[in-house]
Amino acid sequence: MLFGGLEFMNPRWLLANPDALVFPSPKADPYVAVEVHNYDPYAYCSAGPTQHSWGTPADKAKTLAWVRGLEAWARARSLSVVYGEFGVTHDQSAATGRISWYKSGRPPHHRMPWAGFS
């Protein structure tokens, strides 16, 4: 069973409201997990973007901060996290940081199952 928070399952909402969702004990149901979606920054990732570059050290640090925060949040609750969606519009290219965005936030090195799209 997958649960997700508000703001389209955005991990920032979950981290800003860490006690908003109440879960059964993972020992009672090991098939309970939290699902998150990420298109941040939306101005960069969405169709018709208004931001046309991504990949500065500050950009990458911001992504890593929420990923680590989410991992810690889930670990404290003995919950698994499924990175259900993440992606960047085709309006972006390698030159504007699209590949860097995927590499920075892609979950395999963060131990989360994921479903990215391009």
N, C-alpha and C. Protein backbone atom coordinates (compact mmCIF):
# COMPACT_ATOMS: atom_id res chain seq x y z
N MET A 1 0.84 -1.14 0.00
CA MET A 1 0.00 0.00 0.00
C MET A 1 0.90 1.22 0.00
N LEU A 2 0.67 2.10 -0.95
CA LEU A 2 1.47 3.33 -1.05
C LEU A 2 0.67 4.52 -0.53
N PHE A 3 1.31 5.34 0.26
CA PHE A 3 0.73 6.58 0.75
C PHE A 3 1.57 7.74 0.25
N GLY A 4 0.94 8.87 0.02
CA GLY A 4 1.68 10.06 -0.39
C GLY A 4 1.08 11.29 0.24
N GLY A 5 1.89 12.31 0.37
CA GLY A 5 1.44 13.54 0.99
C GLY A 5 0.79 14.49 0.01
N LEU A 6 0.49 15.68 0.49
CA LEU A 6 -0.13 16.71 -0.34
C LEU A 6 0.90 17.31 -1.29
N GLU A 7 0.43 18.29 -2.05
CA GLU A 7 1.26 18.95 -3.06
C GLU A 7 1.81 17.94 -4.06
N PHE A 8 0.92 17.07 -4.52
CA PHE A 8 1.24 16.08 -5.55
C PHE A 8 2.36 15.14 -5.11
N MET A 9 2.34 14.76 -3.85
CA MET A 9 3.31 13.83 -3.26
C MET A 9 4.73 14.38 -3.24
N ASN A 10 4.85 15.69 -3.20
CA ASN A 10 6.15 16.33 -3.19
C ASN A 10 6.87 16.04 -1.87
N PRO A 11 8.12 15.60 -1.92
CA PRO A 11 8.85 15.29 -0.69
C PRO A 11 9.05 16.51 0.22
N ARG A 12 9.09 17.70 -0.35
CA ARG A 12 9.24 18.89 0.49
C ARG A 12 8.06 19.04 1.44
N TRP A 13 6.84 18.73 0.96
CA TRP A 13 5.67 18.81 1.83
C TRP A 13 5.80 17.83 2.99
N LEU A 14 6.22 16.62 2.68
CA LEU A 14 6.35 15.60 3.71
C LEU A 14 7.38 16.01 4.76
N LEU A 15 8.47 16.59 4.32
CA LEU A 15 9.51 17.02 5.27
C LEU A 15 9.07 18.25 6.08
N ALA A 16 8.26 19.10 5.48
CA ALA A 16 7.76 20.27 6.20
C ALA A 16 6.64 19.91 7.18
N ASN A 17 6.02 18.75 6.98
CA ASN A 17 4.90 18.30 7.80
C ASN A 17 5.16 16.86 8.24
N PRO A 18 6.23 16.61 8.97
CA PRO A 18 6.68 15.24 9.23
C PRO A 18 5.70 14.36 10.01
N ASP A 19 4.79 14.95 10.74
CA ASP A 19 3.85 14.14 11.52
C ASP A 19 2.44 14.19 10.96
N ALA A 20 2.27 14.72 9.75
CA ALA A 20 0.94 14.86 9.17
C ALA A 20 0.34 13.52 8.75
N LEU A 21 1.17 12.58 8.36
CA LEU A 21 0.68 11.26 7.97
C LEU A 21 0.98 10.27 9.08
N VAL A 22 -0.02 9.49 9.42
CA VAL A 22 0.15 8.47 10.46
C VAL A 22 0.05 7.11 9.79
N PHE A 23 1.03 6.28 10.05
CA PHE A 23 1.11 4.98 9.40
C PHE A 23 0.95 3.85 10.41
N PRO A 24 0.41 2.72 9.94
CA PRO A 24 0.41 1.56 10.82
C PRO A 24 1.84 1.12 11.07
N SER A 25 2.04 0.39 12.11
CA SER A 25 3.38 -0.11 12.41
C SER A 25 3.88 -0.95 11.25
N PRO A 26 5.11 -0.70 10.78
CA PRO A 26 5.65 -1.53 9.70
C PRO A 26 5.70 -3.00 10.08
N LYS A 27 5.81 -3.28 11.38
CA LYS A 27 5.81 -4.67 11.81
C LYS A 27 4.43 -5.28 11.63
N ALA A 28 3.38 -4.44 11.72
CA ALA A 28 2.02 -4.93 11.51
C ALA A 28 1.75 -5.14 10.03
N ASP A 29 2.35 -4.31 9.18
CA ASP A 29 2.14 -4.42 7.74
C ASP A 29 3.39 -3.98 6.99
N PRO A 30 4.25 -4.91 6.66
CA PRO A 30 5.51 -4.56 5.98
C PRO A 30 5.32 -4.09 4.54
N TYR A 31 4.09 -4.12 4.04
CA TYR A 31 3.83 -3.71 2.67
C TYR A 31 3.36 -2.26 2.56
N VAL A 32 3.51 -1.51 3.62
CA VAL A 32 3.17 -0.09 3.62
C VAL A 32 4.42 0.70 3.26
N ALA A 33 4.26 1.64 2.33
CA ALA A 33 5.38 2.49 1.91
C ALA A 33 4.86 3.89 1.58
N VAL A 34 5.78 4.82 1.52
CA VAL A 34 5.47 6.20 1.15
C VAL A 34 5.95 6.42 -0.28
N GLU A 35 5.12 7.07 -1.08
CA GLU A 35 5.50 7.39 -2.45
C GLU A 35 5.69 8.90 -2.57
N VAL A 36 6.76 9.31 -3.24
CA VAL A 36 7.00 10.72 -3.51
C VAL A 36 7.18 10.94 -5.01
N HIS A 37 6.88 12.15 -5.43
CA HIS A 37 7.07 12.58 -6.82
C HIS A 37 7.93 13.84 -6.78
N ASN A 38 8.78 14.02 -7.77
CA ASN A 38 9.64 15.20 -7.77
C ASN A 38 9.79 15.80 -9.16
N TYR A 39 9.44 17.07 -9.23
CA TYR A 39 9.65 17.87 -10.43
C TYR A 39 10.19 19.23 -10.00
N ASP A 40 11.12 19.21 -9.06
CA ASP A 40 11.67 20.45 -8.51
C ASP A 40 13.04 20.76 -9.09
N PRO A 41 13.27 21.97 -9.40
CA PRO A 41 12.34 23.09 -9.33
C PRO A 41 11.36 23.03 -10.50
N TYR A 42 10.11 23.25 -10.19
CA TYR A 42 9.04 23.13 -11.19
C TYR A 42 9.26 24.09 -12.35
N ALA A 43 9.78 25.26 -12.07
CA ALA A 43 10.04 26.24 -13.14
C ALA A 43 11.05 25.71 -14.15
N TYR A 44 11.87 24.76 -13.74
CA TYR A 44 12.85 24.14 -14.63
C TYR A 44 12.31 22.86 -15.27
N CYS A 45 11.62 22.05 -14.50
CA CYS A 45 11.21 20.71 -14.94
C CYS A 45 9.94 20.67 -15.77
N SER A 46 9.05 21.62 -15.58
CA SER A 46 7.73 21.57 -16.22
C SER A 46 7.78 21.91 -17.70
N ALA A 47 6.72 21.55 -18.41
CA ALA A 47 6.58 21.94 -19.81
C ALA A 47 6.48 23.46 -19.87
N GLY A 48 7.11 24.05 -20.86
CA GLY A 48 7.12 25.50 -20.96
C GLY A 48 7.88 26.15 -19.82
N PRO A 49 9.09 25.67 -19.53
CA PRO A 49 9.82 26.15 -18.35
C PRO A 49 10.18 27.63 -18.44
N THR A 50 10.26 28.23 -17.26
CA THR A 50 10.70 29.63 -17.18
C THR A 50 12.13 29.71 -16.64
N GLN A 51 12.65 28.61 -16.13
CA GLN A 51 14.05 28.52 -15.69
C GLN A 51 14.77 27.66 -16.72
N HIS A 52 15.91 28.12 -17.21
CA HIS A 52 16.56 27.43 -18.33
C HIS A 52 17.96 26.91 -18.03
N SER A 53 18.27 26.78 -16.76
CA SER A 53 19.54 26.13 -16.41
C SER A 53 19.40 25.51 -15.03
N TRP A 54 20.13 24.44 -14.84
CA TRP A 54 20.15 23.74 -13.55
C TRP A 54 21.48 23.01 -13.46
N GLY A 55 22.04 22.94 -12.25
CA GLY A 55 23.24 22.14 -12.08
C GLY A 55 24.34 22.82 -11.29
N THR A 56 24.06 23.97 -10.71
CA THR A 56 25.08 24.61 -9.87
C THR A 56 25.30 23.78 -8.62
N PRO A 57 26.40 23.97 -7.92
CA PRO A 57 26.58 23.27 -6.65
C PRO A 57 25.41 23.50 -5.67
N ALA A 58 24.85 24.71 -5.68
CA ALA A 58 23.70 24.99 -4.80
C ALA A 58 22.48 24.18 -5.22
N ASP A 59 22.25 24.05 -6.53
CA ASP A 59 21.12 23.24 -7.03
C ASP A 59 21.26 21.79 -6.55
N LYS A 60 22.45 21.25 -6.72
CA LYS A 60 22.69 19.85 -6.35
C LYS A 60 22.59 19.65 -4.84
N ALA A 61 23.08 20.62 -4.08
CA ALA A 61 23.01 20.52 -2.61
C ALA A 61 21.56 20.54 -2.13
N LYS A 62 20.72 21.34 -2.79
CA LYS A 62 19.31 21.41 -2.42
C LYS A 62 18.63 20.06 -2.67
N THR A 63 18.93 19.43 -3.78
CA THR A 63 18.36 18.12 -4.08
C THR A 63 18.84 17.09 -3.06
N LEU A 64 20.13 17.06 -2.81
CA LEU A 64 20.67 16.10 -1.86
C LEU A 64 20.09 16.30 -0.46
N ALA A 65 19.83 17.53 -0.09
CA ALA A 65 19.28 17.82 1.24
C ALA A 65 17.91 17.18 1.42
N TRP A 66 17.01 17.32 0.42
CA TRP A 66 15.70 16.71 0.61
C TRP A 66 15.77 15.19 0.52
N VAL A 67 16.65 14.66 -0.33
CA VAL A 67 16.77 13.20 -0.43
C VAL A 67 17.26 12.64 0.92
N ARG A 68 18.28 13.23 1.48
CA ARG A 68 18.78 12.76 2.78
C ARG A 68 17.75 12.97 3.89
N GLY A 69 17.04 14.08 3.84
CA GLY A 69 15.99 14.33 4.82
C GLY A 69 14.89 13.30 4.73
N LEU A 70 14.50 12.96 3.52
CA LEU A 70 13.46 11.95 3.31
C LEU A 70 13.92 10.58 3.80
N GLU A 71 15.16 10.24 3.49
CA GLU A 71 15.70 8.96 3.97
C GLU A 71 15.68 8.89 5.49
N ALA A 72 16.08 9.96 6.15
CA ALA A 72 16.10 9.98 7.61
C ALA A 72 14.68 9.90 8.17
N TRP A 73 13.74 10.61 7.55
CA TRP A 73 12.34 10.58 7.97
C TRP A 73 11.80 9.16 7.89
N ALA A 74 12.05 8.51 6.77
CA ALA A 74 11.55 7.14 6.56
C ALA A 74 12.22 6.15 7.51
N ARG A 75 13.52 6.29 7.68
CA ARG A 75 14.26 5.39 8.57
C ARG A 75 13.73 5.49 10.01
N ALA A 76 13.41 6.71 10.46
CA ALA A 76 12.90 6.91 11.81
C ALA A 76 11.54 6.24 12.01
N ARG A 77 10.84 5.99 10.91
CA ARG A 77 9.52 5.37 10.97
C ARG A 77 9.52 3.93 10.45
N SER A 78 10.70 3.44 10.11
CA SER A 78 10.85 2.09 9.54
C SER A 78 9.98 1.89 8.31
N LEU A 79 9.93 2.92 7.46
CA LEU A 79 9.13 2.87 6.24
C LEU A 79 10.02 2.83 5.01
N SER A 80 9.52 2.19 3.98
CA SER A 80 10.19 2.23 2.68
C SER A 80 9.67 3.43 1.91
N VAL A 81 10.49 3.94 1.01
CA VAL A 81 10.10 5.05 0.14
C VAL A 81 10.20 4.60 -1.30
N VAL A 82 9.16 4.90 -2.07
CA VAL A 82 9.14 4.65 -3.51
C VAL A 82 9.16 6.00 -4.20
N TYR A 83 10.16 6.20 -5.02
CA TYR A 83 10.28 7.44 -5.79
C TYR A 83 9.43 7.22 -7.04
N GLY A 84 8.13 7.49 -6.92
CA GLY A 84 7.15 7.11 -7.93
C GLY A 84 7.25 7.84 -9.25
N GLU A 85 7.64 9.08 -9.22
CA GLU A 85 7.78 9.84 -10.46
C GLU A 85 8.87 10.89 -10.29
N PHE A 86 9.64 11.06 -11.31
CA PHE A 86 10.53 12.22 -11.40
C PHE A 86 10.88 12.41 -12.86
N GLY A 87 11.02 13.65 -13.26
CA GLY A 87 11.31 13.89 -14.66
C GLY A 87 11.50 15.36 -14.98
N VAL A 88 12.04 15.59 -16.18
CA VAL A 88 12.30 16.94 -16.70
C VAL A 88 11.74 17.01 -18.11
N THR A 89 11.14 18.12 -18.44
CA THR A 89 10.58 18.31 -19.77
C THR A 89 11.64 18.19 -20.87
N HIS A 90 11.18 17.82 -22.04
CA HIS A 90 12.07 17.76 -23.21
C HIS A 90 12.46 19.16 -23.68
N ASP A 91 11.83 20.18 -23.10
CA ASP A 91 12.23 21.55 -23.43
C ASP A 91 13.64 21.85 -22.91
N GLN A 92 14.11 21.04 -21.97
CA GLN A 92 15.47 21.18 -21.45
C GLN A 92 16.38 20.21 -22.20
N SER A 93 17.66 20.49 -22.17
CA SER A 93 18.64 19.66 -22.88
C SER A 93 19.85 19.42 -21.97
N ALA A 94 20.78 18.65 -22.47
CA ALA A 94 22.01 18.43 -21.71
C ALA A 94 22.71 19.77 -21.45
N ALA A 95 22.65 20.68 -22.41
CA ALA A 95 23.30 21.98 -22.27
C ALA A 95 22.67 22.83 -21.17
N THR A 96 21.38 22.61 -20.89
CA THR A 96 20.72 23.39 -19.84
C THR A 96 20.66 22.64 -18.51
N GLY A 97 21.27 21.45 -18.46
CA GLY A 97 21.39 20.72 -17.20
C GLY A 97 20.48 19.52 -17.03
N ARG A 98 19.76 19.14 -18.06
CA ARG A 98 18.78 18.04 -17.96
C ARG A 98 19.43 16.74 -17.46
N ILE A 99 20.53 16.34 -18.06
CA ILE A 99 21.20 15.09 -17.67
C ILE A 99 21.73 15.21 -16.24
N SER A 100 22.29 16.36 -15.92
CA SER A 100 22.79 16.59 -14.56
C SER A 100 21.67 16.49 -13.54
N TRP A 101 20.47 17.01 -13.88
CA TRP A 101 19.32 16.93 -12.98
C TRP A 101 18.98 15.47 -12.70
N TYR A 102 18.90 14.66 -13.76
CA TYR A 102 18.59 13.24 -13.56
C TYR A 102 19.65 12.55 -12.71
N LYS A 103 20.90 12.80 -13.00
CA LYS A 103 21.98 12.15 -12.24
C LYS A 103 21.98 12.57 -10.78
N SER A 104 21.70 13.82 -10.52
CA SER A 104 21.74 14.33 -9.16
C SER A 104 20.63 13.75 -8.29
N GLY A 105 19.45 13.63 -8.85
CA GLY A 105 18.31 13.18 -8.05
C GLY A 105 17.90 11.75 -8.25
N ARG A 106 18.59 11.04 -9.11
CA ARG A 106 18.13 9.68 -9.38
C ARG A 106 18.35 8.81 -8.15
N PRO A 107 17.36 8.08 -7.80
CA PRO A 107 17.38 7.34 -6.54
C PRO A 107 18.28 6.12 -6.42
N PRO A 108 18.75 5.47 -7.48
CA PRO A 108 19.49 4.23 -7.22
C PRO A 108 20.61 4.35 -6.20
N HIS A 109 21.32 5.45 -6.18
CA HIS A 109 22.38 5.57 -5.18
C HIS A 109 21.82 6.04 -3.84
N HIS A 110 20.50 6.25 -3.79
CA HIS A 110 19.85 6.63 -2.54
C HIS A 110 19.01 5.49 -1.97
N ARG A 111 19.11 4.30 -2.56
CA ARG A 111 18.42 3.11 -2.07
C ARG A 111 16.90 3.21 -2.08
N MET A 112 16.36 3.86 -3.09
CA MET A 112 14.91 3.95 -3.25
C MET A 112 14.52 3.35 -4.60
N PRO A 113 13.51 2.49 -4.65
CA PRO A 113 13.03 2.08 -5.97
C PRO A 113 12.41 3.30 -6.66
N TRP A 114 12.46 3.36 -7.97
CA TRP A 114 12.04 4.57 -8.66
C TRP A 114 11.38 4.28 -9.99
N ALA A 115 10.68 5.29 -10.48
CA ALA A 115 10.06 5.25 -11.81
C ALA A 115 10.24 6.63 -12.43
N GLY A 116 11.31 6.79 -13.19
CA GLY A 116 11.56 8.06 -13.87
C GLY A 116 10.94 8.06 -15.22
N PHE A 117 10.74 9.21 -15.78
CA PHE A 117 10.30 9.28 -17.15
C PHE A 117 10.96 10.44 -17.84
N SER A 118 10.98 10.35 -19.16
CA SER A 118 11.68 11.34 -19.94
C SER A 118 10.78 11.85 -21.04
